[in-house]
Amino acid sequence: MHPPAGQIAEHDPLQSDVPPAPTILHGRWTLTPRAHYDITARVLGNESYRFDALSALIPEDLALGWGRCR
């Protein structure tokens, strides 16, 4: 994809630490929350995973853009 020149999304993403939280069990994985994200972005691309070792945990990967497109 080639978005036109100009604004993709107005603001940069914000990341903040989260206070210690309980772990989350998801299938065979134990997840520990580390950060909160507040993002307004344009999806520039995506990739689906079906047979990868982590596909049950992360079935899709997104490429996000924000700020000015050059």
C-alpha atoms as a PDB file:
ATOM      1  CA  MET A   1       0.000   0.000   0.000  1.00  0.00           C
ATOM      2  CA  HIS A   2       1.149   3.509  -0.705  1.00  0.00           C
ATOM      3  CA  PRO A   3      -0.911   6.129   1.143  1.00  0.00           C
ATOM      4  CA  PRO A   4      -0.968   9.593  -0.378  1.00  0.00           C
ATOM      5  CA  ALA A   5       1.329  12.282   1.037  1.00  0.00           C
ATOM      6  CA  GLY A   6      -0.106  14.111   4.020  1.00  0.00           C
ATOM      7  CA  GLN A   7      -1.374  13.351   7.486  1.00  0.00           C
ATOM      8  CA  ILE A   8      -1.816   9.666   8.363  1.00  0.00           C
ATOM      9  CA  ALA A   9      -2.958  10.187  11.966  1.00  0.00           C
ATOM     10  CA  GLU A  10      -2.663  13.426  13.867  1.00  0.00           C
ATOM     11  CA  HIS A  11      -1.069  12.346  17.162  1.00  0.00           C
ATOM     12  CA  ASP A  12       1.816  10.101  18.155  1.00  0.00           C
ATOM     13  CA  PRO A  13       0.911   6.965  20.124  1.00  0.00           C
ATOM     14  CA  LEU A  14       0.955   7.231  23.915  1.00  0.00           C
ATOM     15  CA  GLN A  15       2.412   4.434  26.027  1.00  0.00           C
ATOM     16  CA  SER A  16       2.080   4.287  29.789  1.00  0.00           C
ATOM     17  CA  ASP A  17       3.170   1.719  32.331  1.00  0.00           C
ATOM     18  CA  VAL A  18       0.444  -0.226  34.079  1.00  0.00           C
ATOM     19  CA  PRO A  19       0.536  -0.943  37.800  1.00  0.00           C
ATOM     20  CA  PRO A  20       1.393  -4.528  38.696  1.00  0.00           C
ATOM     21  CA  ALA A  21      -1.512  -6.679  37.541  1.00  0.00           C
ATOM     22  CA  PRO A  22      -2.371 -10.343  37.745  1.00  0.00           C
ATOM     23  CA  THR A  23      -1.104 -12.524  34.936  1.00  0.00           C
ATOM     24  CA  ILE A  24      -3.500 -13.671  32.224  1.00  0.00           C
ATOM     25  CA  LEU A  25      -3.652 -17.313  31.171  1.00  0.00           C
ATOM     26  CA  HIS A  26      -4.298 -17.675  27.433  1.00  0.00           C
ATOM     27  CA  GLY A  27      -4.053 -21.253  26.237  1.00  0.00           C
ATOM     28  CA  ARG A  28      -0.531 -22.462  26.981  1.00  0.00           C
ATOM     29  CA  TRP A  29       0.758 -18.910  27.517  1.00  0.00           C
ATOM     30  CA  THR A  30       0.972 -16.796  30.652  1.00  0.00           C
ATOM     31  CA  LEU A  31       0.794 -13.091  29.822  1.00  0.00           C
ATOM     32  CA  THR A  32       1.899 -10.235  32.087  1.00  0.00           C
ATOM     33  CA  PRO A  33       0.483  -6.779  31.267  1.00  0.00           C
ATOM     34  CA  ARG A  34       3.323  -4.229  31.033  1.00  0.00           C
ATOM     35  CA  ALA A  35       1.914  -1.145  29.292  1.00  0.00           C
ATOM     36  CA  HIS A  36      -1.229   0.583  28.077  1.00  0.00           C
ATOM     37  CA  TYR A  37      -1.314   2.052  24.574  1.00  0.00           C
ATOM     38  CA  ASP A  38      -3.531   4.821  23.233  1.00  0.00           C
ATOM     39  CA  ILE A  39      -3.105   4.856  19.459  1.00  0.00           C
ATOM     40  CA  THR A  40      -4.899   6.450  16.546  1.00  0.00           C
ATOM     41  CA  ALA A  41      -3.185   5.148  13.435  1.00  0.00           C
ATOM     42  CA  ARG A  42      -3.697   4.086   9.851  1.00  0.00           C
ATOM     43  CA  VAL A  43      -3.277   0.402   9.094  1.00  0.00           C
ATOM     44  CA  LEU A  44      -0.615   0.331   6.388  1.00  0.00           C
ATOM     45  CA  GLY A  45      -0.443  -3.425   6.060  1.00  0.00           C
ATOM     46  CA  ASN A  46      -1.328  -6.692   7.724  1.00  0.00           C
ATOM     47  CA  GLU A  47      -0.189 -10.290   7.746  1.00  0.00           C
ATOM     48  CA  SER A  48      -2.295 -13.237   8.904  1.00  0.00           C
ATOM     49  CA  TYR A  49      -0.671 -16.241  10.541  1.00  0.00           C
ATOM     50  CA  ARG A  50      -2.376 -19.632  10.600  1.00  0.00           C
ATOM     51  CA  PHE A  51       0.358 -22.233  10.878  1.00  0.00           C
ATOM     52  CA  ASP A  52       3.073 -20.311  12.737  1.00  0.00           C
ATOM     53  CA  ALA A  53       4.036 -21.502  16.240  1.00  0.00           C
ATOM     54  CA  LEU A  54       2.523 -18.333  17.759  1.00  0.00           C
ATOM     55  CA  SER A  55      -0.551 -18.063  15.507  1.00  0.00           C
ATOM     56  CA  ALA A  56      -2.935 -19.118  18.298  1.00  0.00           C
ATOM     57  CA  LEU A  57      -1.650 -16.205  20.386  1.00  0.00           C
ATOM     58  CA  ILE A  58      -0.980 -13.635  17.638  1.00  0.00           C
ATOM     59  CA  PRO A  59      -3.065 -14.505  14.550  1.00  0.00           C
ATOM     60  CA  GLU A  60      -2.521 -11.163  12.799  1.00  0.00           C
ATOM     61  CA  ASP A  61       0.327  -8.652  12.606  1.00  0.00           C
ATOM     62  CA  LEU A  62      -0.411  -5.013  11.764  1.00  0.00           C
ATOM     63  CA  ALA A  63       1.883  -2.337  10.336  1.00  0.00           C
ATOM     64  CA  LEU A  64       0.634   1.017  11.691  1.00  0.00           C
ATOM     65  CA  GLY A  65       1.476   4.564  10.644  1.00  0.00           C
ATOM     66  CA  TRP A  66       0.984   7.975  12.225  1.00  0.00           C
ATOM     67  CA  GLY A  67       2.265  11.492  11.683  1.00  0.00           C
ATOM     68  CA  ARG A  68       3.140  12.815   8.244  1.00  0.00           C
ATOM     69  CA  CYS A  69       3.517  10.533   5.239  1.00  0.00           C
ATOM     70  CA  ARG A  70       6.452  11.573   3.088  1.00  0.00           C
END
